[in-house]
Amino acid sequence: MDYRTRITIEPGKRSGKPCIRGLRITVYDILNMLAEGMSYDEIIDDFPKITKEDIMACLSFAAEREQNTFRLSA
């Protein structure tokens, strides 16, 4: 999945943290909810503007960032 169409970074929004489609919901927020055991459906129920594709974009963003971090440290 190409997360670039869904993950945005705006300097004045949430201190420049990666957010979903310009909303004030960060990639970290979504990843944290998943880590706490929330399902996609539970997240979407709590945040109706979020889609399954948005959640998948967050995972893709995090995976690419992790891969790049590993390459830098190797």
PDB file of N, CA and C in Angstrom:
ATOM      1  N   MET A   1       0.848  -1.186   0.000  1.00  0.00           N
ATOM      2  CA  MET A   1       0.000   0.000   0.000  1.00  0.00           C
ATOM      3  C   MET A   1       0.887   1.242   0.000  1.00  0.00           C
ATOM      4  N   ASP A   2       0.496   2.212  -0.811  1.00  0.00           N
ATOM      5  CA  ASP A   2       1.216   3.485  -0.842  1.00  0.00           C
ATOM      6  C   ASP A   2       0.560   4.425   0.169  1.00  0.00           C
ATOM      7  N   TYR A   3       1.193   4.561   1.308  1.00  0.00           N
ATOM      8  CA  TYR A   3       0.628   5.378   2.380  1.00  0.00           C
ATOM      9  C   TYR A   3       0.689   6.871   2.076  1.00  0.00           C
ATOM     10  N   ARG A   4       1.472   7.270   1.101  1.00  0.00           N
ATOM     11  CA  ARG A   4       1.710   8.702   0.844  1.00  0.00           C
ATOM     12  C   ARG A   4       0.446   9.477   0.498  1.00  0.00           C
ATOM     13  N   THR A   5      -0.593   8.812   0.040  1.00  0.00           N
ATOM     14  CA  THR A   5      -1.844   9.505  -0.274  1.00  0.00           C
ATOM     15  C   THR A   5      -2.710   9.695   0.967  1.00  0.00           C
ATOM     16  N   ARG A   6      -2.349   9.042   2.064  1.00  0.00           N
ATOM     17  CA  ARG A   6      -3.175   9.094   3.272  1.00  0.00           C
ATOM     18  C   ARG A   6      -2.474   9.700   4.483  1.00  0.00           C
ATOM     19  N   ILE A   7      -1.162   9.647   4.521  1.00  0.00           N
ATOM     20  CA  ILE A   7      -0.415  10.168   5.662  1.00  0.00           C
ATOM     21  C   ILE A   7       0.150  11.536   5.287  1.00  0.00           C
ATOM     22  N   THR A   8      -0.169  12.530   6.106  1.00  0.00           N
ATOM     23  CA  THR A   8       0.282  13.892   5.838  1.00  0.00           C
ATOM     24  C   THR A   8       1.095  14.407   7.021  1.00  0.00           C
ATOM     25  N   ILE A   9       2.005  15.318   6.703  1.00  0.00           N
ATOM     26  CA  ILE A   9       2.792  15.969   7.748  1.00  0.00           C
ATOM     27  C   ILE A   9       2.690  17.470   7.518  1.00  0.00           C
ATOM     28  N   GLU A  10       2.099  18.151   8.494  1.00  0.00           N
ATOM     29  CA  GLU A  10       1.934  19.601   8.414  1.00  0.00           C
ATOM     30  C   GLU A  10       2.579  20.211   9.652  1.00  0.00           C
ATOM     31  N   PRO A  11       3.529  21.133   9.459  1.00  0.00           N
ATOM     32  CA  PRO A  11       4.267  21.698  10.597  1.00  0.00           C
ATOM     33  C   PRO A  11       3.382  22.249  11.714  1.00  0.00           C
ATOM     34  N   GLY A  12       2.266  22.850  11.401  1.00  0.00           N
ATOM     35  CA  GLY A  12       1.423  23.456  12.424  1.00  0.00           C
ATOM     36  C   GLY A  12       0.382  22.535  13.029  1.00  0.00           C
ATOM     37  N   LYS A  13       0.332  21.303  12.580  1.00  0.00           N
ATOM     38  CA  LYS A  13      -0.684  20.372  13.069  1.00  0.00           C
ATOM     39  C   LYS A  13      -0.035  19.252  13.861  1.00  0.00           C
ATOM     40  N   ARG A  14      -0.460  19.109  15.108  1.00  0.00           N
ATOM     41  CA  ARG A  14       0.062  18.069  16.012  1.00  0.00           C
ATOM     42  C   ARG A  14       1.588  18.063  16.034  1.00  0.00           C
ATOM     43  N   SER A  15       2.170  19.258  16.072  1.00  0.00           N
ATOM     44  CA  SER A  15       3.624  19.443  16.156  1.00  0.00           C
ATOM     45  C   SER A  15       4.378  18.787  14.996  1.00  0.00           C
ATOM     46  N   GLY A  16       3.732  18.710  13.845  1.00  0.00           N
ATOM     47  CA  GLY A  16       4.389  18.147  12.670  1.00  0.00           C
ATOM     48  C   GLY A  16       4.450  16.637  12.636  1.00  0.00           C
ATOM     49  N   LYS A  17       3.698  15.989  13.520  1.00  0.00           N
ATOM     50  CA  LYS A  17       3.687  14.521  13.523  1.00  0.00           C
ATOM     51  C   LYS A  17       2.870  14.014  12.337  1.00  0.00           C
ATOM     52  N   PRO A  18       3.184  12.827  11.814  1.00  0.00           N
ATOM     53  CA  PRO A  18       2.418  12.258  10.711  1.00  0.00           C
ATOM     54  C   PRO A  18       0.965  12.010  11.133  1.00  0.00           C
ATOM     55  N   CYS A  19       0.041  12.532  10.340  1.00  0.00           N
ATOM     56  CA  CYS A  19      -1.389  12.406  10.616  1.00  0.00           C
ATOM     57  C   CYS A  19      -2.091  11.722   9.455  1.00  0.00           C
ATOM     58  N   ILE A  20      -3.311  11.323   9.691  1.00  0.00           N
ATOM     59  CA  ILE A  20      -4.114  10.692   8.659  1.00  0.00           C
ATOM     60  C   ILE A  20      -4.909  11.755   7.907  1.00  0.00           C
ATOM     61  N   ARG A  21      -4.655  11.848   6.611  1.00  0.00           N
ATOM     62  CA  ARG A  21      -5.393  12.717   5.686  1.00  0.00           C
ATOM     63  C   ARG A  21      -5.646  14.122   6.225  1.00  0.00           C
ATOM     64  N   GLY A  22      -4.697  14.702   6.899  1.00  0.00           N
ATOM     65  CA  GLY A  22      -4.849  16.064   7.393  1.00  0.00           C
ATOM     66  C   GLY A  22      -5.708  16.190   8.637  1.00  0.00           C
ATOM     67  N   LEU A  23      -6.215  15.069   9.137  1.00  0.00           N
ATOM     68  CA  LEU A  23      -6.986  15.086  10.384  1.00  0.00           C
ATOM     69  C   LEU A  23      -6.014  15.259  11.546  1.00  0.00           C
ATOM     70  N   ARG A  24      -6.541  15.397  12.719  1.00  0.00           N
ATOM     71  CA  ARG A  24      -5.685  15.560  13.898  1.00  0.00           C
ATOM     72  C   ARG A  24      -5.401  14.216  14.577  1.00  0.00           C
ATOM     73  N   ILE A  25      -5.612  13.146  13.871  1.00  0.00           N
ATOM     74  CA  ILE A  25      -5.348  11.801  14.386  1.00  0.00           C
ATOM     75  C   ILE A  25      -4.000  11.356  13.824  1.00  0.00           C
ATOM     76  N   THR A  26      -3.044  11.097  14.709  1.00  0.00           N
ATOM     77  CA  THR A  26      -1.692  10.767  14.266  1.00  0.00           C
ATOM     78  C   THR A  26      -1.525   9.270  13.995  1.00  0.00           C
ATOM     79  N   VAL A  27      -0.490   8.974  13.244  1.00  0.00           N
ATOM     80  CA  VAL A  27      -0.109   7.582  13.017  1.00  0.00           C
ATOM     81  C   VAL A  27       0.152   6.924  14.366  1.00  0.00           C
ATOM     82  N   TYR A  28       0.831   7.634  15.255  1.00  0.00           N
ATOM     83  CA  TYR A  28       1.104   7.098  16.594  1.00  0.00           C
ATOM     84  C   TYR A  28      -0.197   6.734  17.315  1.00  0.00           C
ATOM     85  N   ASP A  29      -1.205   7.600  17.227  1.00  0.00           N
ATOM     86  CA  ASP A  29      -2.486   7.312  17.891  1.00  0.00           C
ATOM     87  C   ASP A  29      -3.036   5.967  17.429  1.00  0.00           C
ATOM     88  N   ILE A  30      -3.042   5.765  16.114  1.00  0.00           N
ATOM     89  CA  ILE A  30      -3.585   4.527  15.554  1.00  0.00           C
ATOM     90  C   ILE A  30      -2.734   3.329  15.952  1.00  0.00           C
ATOM     91  N   LEU A  31      -1.416   3.459  15.840  1.00  0.00           N
ATOM     92  CA  LEU A  31      -0.535   2.349  16.218  1.00  0.00           C
ATOM     93  C   LEU A  31      -0.691   1.995  17.691  1.00  0.00           C
ATOM     94  N   ASN A  32      -0.839   3.000  18.515  1.00  0.00           N
ATOM     95  CA  ASN A  32      -1.019   2.764  19.947  1.00  0.00           C
ATOM     96  C   ASN A  32      -2.332   2.024  20.215  1.00  0.00           C
ATOM     97  N   MET A  33      -3.391   2.421  19.532  1.00  0.00           N
ATOM     98  CA  MET A  33      -4.678   1.726  19.704  1.00  0.00           C
ATOM     99  C   MET A  33      -4.560   0.271  19.287  1.00  0.00           C
ATOM    100  N   LEU A  34      -3.888   0.018  18.170  1.00  0.00           N
ATOM    101  CA  LEU A  34      -3.689  -1.368  17.735  1.00  0.00           C
ATOM    102  C   LEU A  34      -2.860  -2.140  18.756  1.00  0.00           C
ATOM    103  N   ALA A  35      -1.821  -1.514  19.286  1.00  0.00           N
ATOM    104  CA  ALA A  35      -0.962  -2.169  20.284  1.00  0.00           C
ATOM    105  C   ALA A  35      -1.727  -2.494  21.562  1.00  0.00           C
ATOM    106  N   GLU A  36      -2.737  -1.682  21.862  1.00  0.00           N
ATOM    107  CA  GLU A  36      -3.560  -1.932  23.050  1.00  0.00           C
ATOM    108  C   GLU A  36      -4.616  -3.006  22.805  1.00  0.00           C
ATOM    109  N   GLY A  37      -4.666  -3.519  21.572  1.00  0.00           N
ATOM    110  CA  GLY A  37      -5.577  -4.619  21.272  1.00  0.00           C
ATOM    111  C   GLY A  37      -6.876  -4.221  20.590  1.00  0.00           C
ATOM    112  N   MET A  38      -7.019  -2.962  20.240  1.00  0.00           N
ATOM    113  CA  MET A  38      -8.239  -2.543  19.555  1.00  0.00           C
ATOM    114  C   MET A  38      -8.247  -3.113  18.140  1.00  0.00           C
ATOM    115  N   SER A  39      -9.426  -3.486  17.684  1.00  0.00           N
ATOM    116  CA  SER A  39      -9.570  -3.987  16.318  1.00  0.00           C
ATOM    117  C   SER A  39      -9.781  -2.812  15.366  1.00  0.00           C
ATOM    118  N   TYR A  40      -9.652  -3.093  14.089  1.00  0.00           N
ATOM    119  CA  TYR A  40      -9.926  -2.052  13.093  1.00  0.00           C
ATOM    120  C   TYR A  40     -11.331  -1.491  13.306  1.00  0.00           C
ATOM    121  N   ASP A  41     -12.293  -2.380  13.493  1.00  0.00           N
ATOM    122  CA  ASP A  41     -13.690  -1.947  13.656  1.00  0.00           C
ATOM    123  C   ASP A  41     -13.877  -1.072  14.890  1.00  0.00           C
ATOM    124  N   GLU A  42     -13.199  -1.398  15.982  1.00  0.00           N
ATOM    125  CA  GLU A  42     -13.306  -0.580  17.196  1.00  0.00           C
ATOM    126  C   GLU A  42     -12.728   0.816  16.969  1.00  0.00           C
ATOM    127  N   ILE A  43     -11.617   0.885  16.264  1.00  0.00           N
ATOM    128  CA  ILE A  43     -11.017   2.189  15.975  1.00  0.00           C
ATOM    129  C   ILE A  43     -11.951   3.006  15.090  1.00  0.00           C
ATOM    130  N   ILE A  44     -12.493   2.373  14.072  1.00  0.00           N
ATOM    131  CA  ILE A  44     -13.406   3.058  13.162  1.00  0.00           C
ATOM    132  C   ILE A  44     -14.674   3.494  13.889  1.00  0.00           C
ATOM    133  N   ASP A  45     -15.170   2.690  14.809  1.00  0.00           N
ATOM    134  CA  ASP A  45     -16.340   3.076  15.607  1.00  0.00           C
ATOM    135  C   ASP A  45     -16.044   4.308  16.454  1.00  0.00           C
ATOM    136  N   ASP A  46     -14.832   4.375  17.026  1.00  0.00           N
ATOM    137  CA  ASP A  46     -14.445   5.518  17.859  1.00  0.00           C
ATOM    138  C   ASP A  46     -14.132   6.759  17.025  1.00  0.00           C
ATOM    139  N   PHE A  47     -13.626   6.548  15.818  1.00  0.00           N
ATOM    140  CA  PHE A  47     -13.236   7.650  14.926  1.00  0.00           C
ATOM    141  C   PHE A  47     -13.834   7.403  13.545  1.00  0.00           C
ATOM    142  N   PRO A  48     -15.092   7.766  13.341  1.00  0.00           N
ATOM    143  CA  PRO A  48     -15.803   7.443  12.095  1.00  0.00           C
ATOM    144  C   PRO A  48     -15.161   8.005  10.819  1.00  0.00           C
ATOM    145  N   LYS A  49     -14.314   9.007  10.926  1.00  0.00           N
ATOM    146  CA  LYS A  49     -13.647   9.543   9.736  1.00  0.00           C
ATOM    147  C   LYS A  49     -12.490   8.669   9.277  1.00  0.00           C
ATOM    148  N   ILE A  50     -12.090   7.714  10.105  1.00  0.00           N
ATOM    149  CA  ILE A  50     -10.988   6.816   9.788  1.00  0.00           C
ATOM    150  C   ILE A  50     -11.529   5.600   9.039  1.00  0.00           C
ATOM    151  N   THR A  51     -10.778   5.148   8.040  1.00  0.00           N
ATOM    152  CA  THR A  51     -11.165   3.959   7.274  1.00  0.00           C
ATOM    153  C   THR A  51     -10.148   2.839   7.512  1.00  0.00           C
ATOM    154  N   LYS A  52     -10.535   1.646   7.085  1.00  0.00           N
ATOM    155  CA  LYS A  52      -9.615   0.506   7.166  1.00  0.00           C
ATOM    156  C   LYS A  52      -8.337   0.816   6.388  1.00  0.00           C
ATOM    157  N   GLU A  53      -8.479   1.466   5.241  1.00  0.00           N
ATOM    158  CA  GLU A  53      -7.322   1.818   4.419  1.00  0.00           C
ATOM    159  C   GLU A  53      -6.401   2.799   5.142  1.00  0.00           C
ATOM    160  N   ASP A  54      -6.985   3.712   5.941  1.00  0.00           N
ATOM    161  CA  ASP A  54      -6.172   4.637   6.738  1.00  0.00           C
ATOM    162  C   ASP A  54      -5.333   3.871   7.753  1.00  0.00           C
ATOM    163  N   ILE A  55      -5.941   2.890   8.396  1.00  0.00           N
ATOM    164  CA  ILE A  55      -5.232   2.090   9.395  1.00  0.00           C
ATOM    165  C   ILE A  55      -4.106   1.303   8.728  1.00  0.00           C
ATOM    166  N   MET A  56      -4.405   0.725   7.575  1.00  0.00           N
ATOM    167  CA  MET A  56      -3.385  -0.015   6.845  1.00  0.00           C
ATOM    168  C   MET A  56      -2.255   0.914   6.398  1.00  0.00           C
ATOM    169  N   ALA A  57      -2.582   2.145   6.043  1.00  0.00           N
ATOM    170  CA  ALA A  57      -1.558   3.125   5.662  1.00  0.00           C
ATOM    171  C   ALA A  57      -0.646   3.426   6.843  1.00  0.00           C
ATOM    172  N   CYS A  58      -1.205   3.494   8.040  1.00  0.00           N
ATOM    173  CA  CYS A  58      -0.387   3.716   9.239  1.00  0.00           C
ATOM    174  C   CYS A  58       0.597   2.573   9.441  1.00  0.00           C
ATOM    175  N   LEU A  59       0.137   1.361   9.247  1.00  0.00           N
ATOM    176  CA  LEU A  59       1.018   0.203   9.388  1.00  0.00           C
ATOM    177  C   LEU A  59       2.104   0.214   8.319  1.00  0.00           C
ATOM    178  N   SER A  60       1.733   0.562   7.104  1.00  0.00           N
ATOM    179  CA  SER A  60       2.708   0.640   6.018  1.00  0.00           C
ATOM    180  C   SER A  60       3.739   1.728   6.285  1.00  0.00           C
ATOM    181  N   PHE A  61       3.292   2.881   6.762  1.00  0.00           N
ATOM    182  CA  PHE A  61       4.185   3.983   7.110  1.00  0.00           C
ATOM    183  C   PHE A  61       5.180   3.536   8.180  1.00  0.00           C
ATOM    184  N   ALA A  62       4.672   2.891   9.220  1.00  0.00           N
ATOM    185  CA  ALA A  62       5.533   2.443  10.320  1.00  0.00           C
ATOM    186  C   ALA A  62       6.522   1.381   9.840  1.00  0.00           C
ATOM    187  N   ALA A  63       6.079   0.481   8.980  1.00  0.00           N
ATOM    188  CA  ALA A  63       6.969  -0.566   8.472  1.00  0.00           C
ATOM    189  C   ALA A  63       8.098   0.042   7.650  1.00  0.00           C
ATOM    190  N   GLU A  64       7.763   0.997   6.790  1.00  0.00           N
ATOM    191  CA  GLU A  64       8.805   1.625   5.982  1.00  0.00           C
ATOM    192  C   GLU A  64       9.768   2.426   6.847  1.00  0.00           C
ATOM    193  N   ARG A  65       9.239   3.125   7.823  1.00  0.00           N
ATOM    194  CA  ARG A  65      10.108   3.899   8.719  1.00  0.00           C
ATOM    195  C   ARG A  65      11.047   2.972   9.482  1.00  0.00           C
ATOM    196  N   GLU A  66      10.537   1.859   9.945  1.00  0.00           N
ATOM    197  CA  GLU A  66      11.362   0.891  10.669  1.00  0.00           C
ATOM    198  C   GLU A  66      12.441   0.317   9.760  1.00  0.00           C
ATOM    199  N   GLN A  67      12.070   0.004   8.538  1.00  0.00           N
ATOM    200  CA  GLN A  67      13.044  -0.526   7.591  1.00  0.00           C
ATOM    201  C   GLN A  67      14.141   0.497   7.327  1.00  0.00           C
ATOM    202  N   ASN A  68      13.776   1.740   7.159  1.00  0.00           N
ATOM    203  CA  ASN A  68      14.764   2.786   6.913  1.00  0.00           C
ATOM    204  C   ASN A  68      15.648   3.023   8.131  1.00  0.00           C
ATOM    205  N   THR A  69      15.078   2.931   9.321  1.00  0.00           N
ATOM    206  CA  THR A  69      15.856   3.091  10.547  1.00  0.00           C
ATOM    207  C   THR A  69      16.874   1.972  10.669  1.00  0.00           C
ATOM    208  N   PHE A  70      16.456   0.765  10.346  1.00  0.00           N
ATOM    209  CA  PHE A  70      17.370  -0.368  10.410  1.00  0.00           C
ATOM    210  C   PHE A  70      18.518  -0.195   9.428  1.00  0.00           C
ATOM    211  N   ARG A  71      18.205   0.267   8.222  1.00  0.00           N
ATOM    212  CA  ARG A  71      19.260   0.477   7.224  1.00  0.00           C
ATOM    213  C   ARG A  71      20.259   1.517   7.672  1.00  0.00           C
ATOM    214  N   LEU A  72      19.779   2.558   8.334  1.00  0.00           N
ATOM    215  CA  LEU A  72      20.670   3.611   8.787  1.00  0.00           C
ATOM    216  C   LEU A  72      21.613   3.126   9.881  1.00  0.00           C
ATOM    217  N   SER A  73      21.119   2.225  10.724  1.00  0.00           N
ATOM    218  CA  SER A  73      21.929   1.771  11.852  1.00  0.00           C
ATOM    219  C   SER A  73      22.812   0.571  11.519  1.00  0.00           C
ATOM    220  N   ALA A  74      22.550  -0.057  10.401  1.00  0.00           N
ATOM    221  CA  ALA A  74      23.318  -1.275  10.036  1.00  0.00           C
ATOM    222  C   ALA A  74      24.674  -0.929   9.470  1.00  0.00           C
TER     223      ALA A  74
END
